Protein backbone atom coordinates (compact mmCIF):
# COMPACT_ATOMS: atom_id res chain seq x y z
CA UNK A 1 -29.08 9.25 7.42
CA UNK A 2 -25.62 8.04 8.50
CA UNK A 3 -23.12 5.84 6.28
CA UNK A 4 -20.84 3.35 7.88
CA UNK A 5 -17.56 2.14 6.57
CA UNK A 6 -17.81 -1.72 6.57
CA UNK A 7 -14.04 -1.88 6.93
CA UNK A 8 -13.23 0.32 9.73
CA UNK A 9 -16.68 1.38 11.22
CA UNK A 10 -16.18 5.10 10.76
CA UNK A 11 -19.58 7.24 10.19
CA UNK A 12 -20.15 9.58 7.48
CA UNK A 13 -23.29 12.06 6.83
CA UNK A 14 -22.95 11.76 2.94
CA UNK A 15 -22.41 8.82 0.82
CA UNK A 16 -19.95 10.66 -1.20
CA UNK A 17 -17.72 11.09 2.05
CA UNK A 18 -17.76 7.49 2.57
CA UNK A 19 -17.01 6.62 -1.00
CA UNK A 20 -13.96 8.99 -0.77
CA UNK A 21 -13.07 7.48 2.44
CA UNK A 22 -12.95 4.04 0.75
CA UNK A 23 -10.97 5.46 -2.28
CA UNK A 24 -8.21 6.78 0.08
CA UNK A 25 -7.06 3.64 1.30
CA UNK A 26 -9.15 0.74 1.99
CA UNK A 27 -7.95 -2.10 -0.27
CA UNK A 28 -4.75 -0.34 -0.89
CA UNK A 29 -2.17 -1.72 1.80
CA UNK A 30 0.67 0.20 0.15
CA UNK A 31 -0.76 3.58 1.30
CA UNK A 32 -0.44 2.30 5.12
CA UNK A 33 3.10 3.38 6.05
CA UNK A 34 3.21 1.44 9.13
CA UNK A 35 2.29 -1.78 7.30
CA UNK A 36 4.85 -1.05 4.46
CA UNK A 37 7.57 -0.33 7.09
CA UNK A 38 6.81 -3.63 8.66
CA UNK A 39 6.68 -5.78 5.56
CA UNK A 40 9.64 -4.08 3.98
CA UNK A 41 11.95 -3.18 6.64
CA UNK A 42 11.14 -5.55 9.57
CA UNK A 43 10.15 -8.79 7.63
CA UNK A 44 12.60 -8.11 4.82
CA UNK A 45 10.06 -8.54 2.03
CA UNK A 46 11.16 -7.32 -1.39
CA UNK A 47 9.39 -4.95 -3.70
CA UNK A 48 8.49 -7.70 -5.96
CA UNK A 49 7.09 -9.88 -3.11
CA UNK A 50 5.10 -6.93 -1.92
CA UNK A 51 3.72 -6.31 -5.33
CA UNK A 52 2.72 -9.83 -5.59
CA UNK A 53 1.10 -10.02 -2.18
CA UNK A 54 -0.68 -6.67 -2.67
CA UNK A 55 -1.70 -7.24 -6.37
CA UNK A 56 -0.14 -4.24 -7.74
CA UNK A 57 2.87 -3.22 -9.95
CA UNK A 58 6.47 -3.06 -8.60
CA UNK A 59 6.44 0.70 -9.52
CA UNK A 60 3.60 1.23 -7.19
CA UNK A 61 5.30 -0.34 -4.19
CA UNK A 62 8.56 1.56 -5.00
CA UNK A 63 6.71 4.89 -5.32
CA UNK A 64 4.94 4.56 -2.18
CA UNK A 65 8.03 3.31 -0.39
CA UNK A 66 9.49 6.68 -1.60
CA UNK A 67 6.44 8.57 -0.40
CA UNK A 68 6.67 7.09 3.04
CA UNK A 69 10.40 8.05 3.17
CA UNK A 70 11.37 4.36 3.53
CA UNK A 71 14.86 3.73 2.52
CA UNK A 72 14.83 1.02 -0.28
CA UNK A 73 17.58 -1.72 -0.82
CA UNK A 74 19.52 -2.39 -3.92
CA UNK A 75 17.80 -4.76 -6.33
CA UNK A 76 19.23 -8.25 -6.23
CA UNK A 77 17.82 -9.75 -9.26
CA UNK A 78 20.04 -9.92 -12.19
CA UNK A 79 18.87 -8.81 -15.91
CA UNK A 80 18.84 -11.55 -18.39
CA UNK A 81 21.78 -11.44 -20.77
CA UNK A 82 21.01 -9.62 -24.04
C-alpha cells in the first residue's frame, strides 16, 4: 500500500514516513528558506508581521532567519518607558 501526501503529492511506502514528511515542513512556512527570503528580504515584512502571518512566535521567525543565513534588520519598535 502507498500513502500520498495531500499537500505535495509525494508518495510513501510507510504511513510513518508520510507522517515524518508532514512534520518536517508542511504547515510550517518558516522552514521554507525561499519563502522566508521572499517575505522578509524582498517584501520587507518584519519579524512581527511574519510571526502574525504564520501564527508563531517572533523567536521562531528570528531563529529560522538565522538558520537560513538571512541577514536581519535592526528592530524598529521602541520599548515602552519604564
